[in-house]
């Protein structure tokens, strides 16, 4: 029981970190693309 609980906790943490990176990437990419378009 304890093993599966810790495994689940690690998975939740990993998925939340992954989601955070995906959100950060999507929030950073559009301004960079817009800036790149303006720079050209």
PDB file of N, CA and C in Angstrom:
ATOM      1  N   UNK A   1       0.837  -1.198   0.000  1.00  0.00           N
ATOM      2  CA  UNK A   1       0.000   0.000   0.000  1.00  0.00           C
ATOM      3  C   UNK A   1       0.874   1.251   0.000  1.00  0.00           C
ATOM      4  N   UNK A   2       1.863   1.246   0.885  1.00  0.00           N
ATOM      5  CA  UNK A   2       2.734   2.415   0.999  1.00  0.00           C
ATOM      6  C   UNK A   2       3.553   2.599  -0.276  1.00  0.00           C
ATOM      7  N   UNK A   3       3.968   1.497  -0.874  1.00  0.00           N
ATOM      8  CA  UNK A   3       4.763   1.575  -2.102  1.00  0.00           C
ATOM      9  C   UNK A   3       3.946   2.197  -3.236  1.00  0.00           C
ATOM     10  N   UNK A   4       2.711   1.754  -3.410  1.00  0.00           N
ATOM     11  CA  UNK A   4       1.864   2.282  -4.473  1.00  0.00           C
ATOM     12  C   UNK A   4       1.518   3.750  -4.208  1.00  0.00           C
ATOM     13  N   UNK A   5       1.386   4.120  -2.930  1.00  0.00           N
ATOM     14  CA  UNK A   5       1.070   5.502  -2.576  1.00  0.00           C
ATOM     15  C   UNK A   5       2.220   6.433  -2.952  1.00  0.00           C
ATOM     16  N   UNK A   6       3.435   6.005  -2.634  1.00  0.00           N
ATOM     17  CA  UNK A   6       4.598   6.829  -2.961  1.00  0.00           C
ATOM     18  C   UNK A   6       4.791   6.895  -4.481  1.00  0.00           C
ATOM     19  N   UNK A   7       4.532   5.797  -5.163  1.00  0.00           N
ATOM     20  CA  UNK A   7       4.640   5.760  -6.625  1.00  0.00           C
ATOM     21  C   UNK A   7       3.637   6.727  -7.246  1.00  0.00           C
ATOM     22  N   UNK A   8       2.412   6.705  -6.718  1.00  0.00           N
ATOM     23  CA  UNK A   8       1.368   7.593  -7.220  1.00  0.00           C
ATOM     24  C   UNK A   8       1.759   9.044  -6.983  1.00  0.00           C
ATOM     25  N   UNK A   9       2.324   9.332  -5.818  1.00  0.00           N
ATOM     26  CA  UNK A   9       2.738  10.694  -5.483  1.00  0.00           C
ATOM     27  C   UNK A   9       3.830  11.176  -6.433  1.00  0.00           C
ATOM     28  N   UNK A  10       4.776  10.289  -6.740  1.00  0.00           N
ATOM     29  CA  UNK A  10       5.858  10.642  -7.668  1.00  0.00           C
ATOM     30  C   UNK A  10       5.296  10.904  -9.057  1.00  0.00           C
ATOM     31  N   UNK A  11       4.340  10.085  -9.464  1.00  0.00           N
ATOM     32  CA  UNK A  11       3.725  10.271 -10.795  1.00  0.00           C
ATOM     33  C   UNK A  11       2.970  11.584 -10.871  1.00  0.00           C
ATOM     34  N   UNK A  12       2.235  11.924  -9.816  1.00  0.00           N
ATOM     35  CA  UNK A  12       1.482  13.183  -9.799  1.00  0.00           C
ATOM     36  C   UNK A  12       2.456  14.359  -9.878  1.00  0.00           C
ATOM     37  N   UNK A  13       3.541  14.270  -9.110  1.00  0.00           N
ATOM     38  CA  UNK A  13       4.533  15.346  -9.117  1.00  0.00           C
ATOM     39  C   UNK A  13       5.175  15.473 -10.489  1.00  0.00           C
ATOM     40  N   UNK A  14       5.526  14.346 -11.094  1.00  0.00           N
ATOM     41  CA  UNK A  14       6.167  14.365 -12.414  1.00  0.00           C
ATOM     42  C   UNK A  14       5.217  14.931 -13.473  1.00  0.00           C
ATOM     43  N   UNK A  15       3.958  14.525 -13.431  1.00  0.00           N
ATOM     44  CA  UNK A  15       2.993  15.010 -14.417  1.00  0.00           C
ATOM     45  C   UNK A  15       2.707  16.491 -14.230  1.00  0.00           C
ATOM     46  N   UNK A  16       2.701  16.966 -12.968  1.00  0.00           N
ATOM     47  CA  UNK A  16       2.469  18.386 -12.716  1.00  0.00           C
ATOM     48  C   UNK A  16       3.652  19.218 -13.199  1.00  0.00           C
ATOM     49  N   UNK A  17       4.871  18.694 -13.017  1.00  0.00           N
ATOM     50  CA  UNK A  17       6.064  19.387 -13.511  1.00  0.00           C
ATOM     51  C   UNK A  17       6.043  19.427 -15.032  1.00  0.00           C
ATOM     52  N   UNK A  18       5.666  18.310 -15.651  1.00  0.00           N
ATOM     53  CA  UNK A  18       5.590  18.247 -17.107  1.00  0.00           C
ATOM     54  C   UNK A  18       4.546  19.239 -17.623  1.00  0.00           C
ATOM     55  N   UNK A  19       3.385  19.281 -16.972  1.00  0.00           N
ATOM     56  CA  UNK A  19       2.333  20.214 -17.368  1.00  0.00           C
ATOM     57  C   UNK A  19       2.816  21.654 -17.222  1.00  0.00           C
ATOM     58  N   UNK A  20       3.568  21.940 -16.146  1.00  0.00           N
ATOM     59  CA  UNK A  20       4.088  23.285 -15.929  1.00  0.00           C
ATOM     60  C   UNK A  20       5.035  23.679 -17.056  1.00  0.00           C
ATOM     61  N   UNK A  21       5.923  22.756 -17.452  1.00  0.00           N
ATOM     62  CA  UNK A  21       6.864  23.052 -18.531  1.00  0.00           C
ATOM     63  C   UNK A  21       6.136  23.266 -19.853  1.00  0.00           C
ATOM     64  N   UNK A  22       5.088  22.473 -20.106  1.00  0.00           N
ATOM     65  CA  UNK A  22       4.312  22.625 -21.343  1.00  0.00           C
ATOM     66  C   UNK A  22       3.615  23.987 -21.345  1.00  0.00           C
ATOM     67  N   UNK A  23       3.027  24.364 -20.202  1.00  0.00           N
ATOM     68  CA  UNK A  23       2.362  25.662 -20.110  1.00  0.00           C
ATOM     69  C   UNK A  23       3.365  26.797 -20.285  1.00  0.00           C
ATOM     70  N   UNK A  24       4.524  26.665 -19.639  1.00  0.00           N
ATOM     71  CA  UNK A  24       5.558  27.706 -19.753  1.00  0.00           C
ATOM     72  C   UNK A  24       6.012  27.832 -21.202  1.00  0.00           C
ATOM     73  N   UNK A  25       6.173  26.707 -21.862  1.00  0.00           N
ATOM     74  CA  UNK A  25       6.613  26.709 -23.254  1.00  0.00           C
ATOM     75  C   UNK A  25       5.587  27.410 -24.146  1.00  0.00           C
ATOM     76  N   UNK A  26       4.315  27.086 -23.950  1.00  0.00           N
ATOM     77  CA  UNK A  26       3.266  27.698 -24.768  1.00  0.00           C
ATOM     78  C   UNK A  26       3.092  29.177 -24.458  1.00  0.00           C
ATOM     79  N   UNK A  27       3.385  29.578 -23.205  1.00  0.00           N
ATOM     80  CA  UNK A  27       3.237  30.991 -22.864  1.00  0.00           C
ATOM     81  C   UNK A  27       4.447  31.797 -23.338  1.00  0.00           C
ATOM     82  N   UNK A  28       5.600  31.114 -23.527  1.00  0.00           N
ATOM     83  CA  UNK A  28       6.823  31.804 -23.960  1.00  0.00           C
ATOM     84  C   UNK A  28       6.950  31.813 -25.490  1.00  0.00           C
ATOM     85  N   UNK A  29       6.510  30.746 -26.140  1.00  0.00           N
ATOM     86  CA  UNK A  29       6.675  30.631 -27.589  1.00  0.00           C
ATOM     87  C   UNK A  29       5.992  31.724 -28.416  1.00  0.00           C
ATOM     88  N   UNK A  30       4.714  32.029 -28.239  1.00  0.00           N
ATOM     89  CA  UNK A  30       4.065  33.044 -29.071  1.00  0.00           C
ATOM     90  C   UNK A  30       4.773  34.401 -29.066  1.00  0.00           C
ATOM     91  N   UNK A  31       5.152  34.961 -27.900  1.00  0.00           N
ATOM     92  CA  UNK A  31       5.882  36.233 -27.914  1.00  0.00           C
ATOM     93  C   UNK A  31       7.215  36.120 -28.661  1.00  0.00           C
ATOM     94  N   UNK A  32       7.896  34.991 -28.504  1.00  0.00           N
ATOM     95  CA  UNK A  32       9.175  34.799 -29.209  1.00  0.00           C
ATOM     96  C   UNK A  32       8.948  34.752 -30.716  1.00  0.00           C
ATOM     97  N   UNK A  33       7.905  34.055 -31.137  1.00  0.00           N
ATOM     98  CA  UNK A  33       7.598  33.970 -32.565  1.00  0.00           C
ATOM     99  C   UNK A  33       7.189  35.343 -33.099  1.00  0.00           C
ATOM    100  N   UNK A  34       6.416  36.072 -32.327  1.00  0.00           N
ATOM    101  CA  UNK A  34       5.998  37.419 -32.739  1.00  0.00           C
ATOM    102  C   UNK A  34       7.219  38.330 -32.826  1.00  0.00           C
ATOM    103  N   UNK A  35       8.102  38.236 -31.854  1.00  0.00           N
ATOM    104  CA  UNK A  35       9.320  39.048 -31.857  1.00  0.00           C
ATOM    105  C   UNK A  35      10.206  38.690 -33.057  1.00  0.00           C
ATOM    106  N   UNK A  36      10.293  37.377 -33.324  1.00  0.00           N
ATOM    107  CA  UNK A  36      11.082  36.928 -34.473  1.00  0.00           C
ATOM    108  C   UNK A  36      10.495  37.469 -35.776  1.00  0.00           C
ATOM    109  N   UNK A  37       9.161  37.471 -35.873  1.00  0.00           N
ATOM    110  CA  UNK A  37       8.500  37.992 -37.059  1.00  0.00           C
ATOM    111  C   UNK A  37       8.736  39.485 -37.205  1.00  0.00           C
ATOM    112  N   UNK A  38       8.728  40.211 -36.087  1.00  0.00           N
ATOM    113  CA  UNK A  38       8.981  41.652 -36.119  1.00  0.00           C
ATOM    114  C   UNK A  38      10.444  41.935 -36.442  1.00  0.00           C
ATOM    115  N   UNK A  39      11.335  41.079 -35.931  1.00  0.00           N
ATOM    116  CA  UNK A  39      12.771  41.276 -36.157  1.00  0.00           C
ATOM    117  C   UNK A  39      13.119  41.095 -37.631  1.00  0.00           C
ATOM    118  N   UNK A  40      12.393  40.184 -38.317  1.00  0.00           N
ATOM    119  CA  UNK A  40      12.655  39.964 -39.736  1.00  0.00           C
ATOM    120  C   UNK A  40      12.232  41.200 -40.528  1.00  0.00           C
TER     121      UNK A  40
END
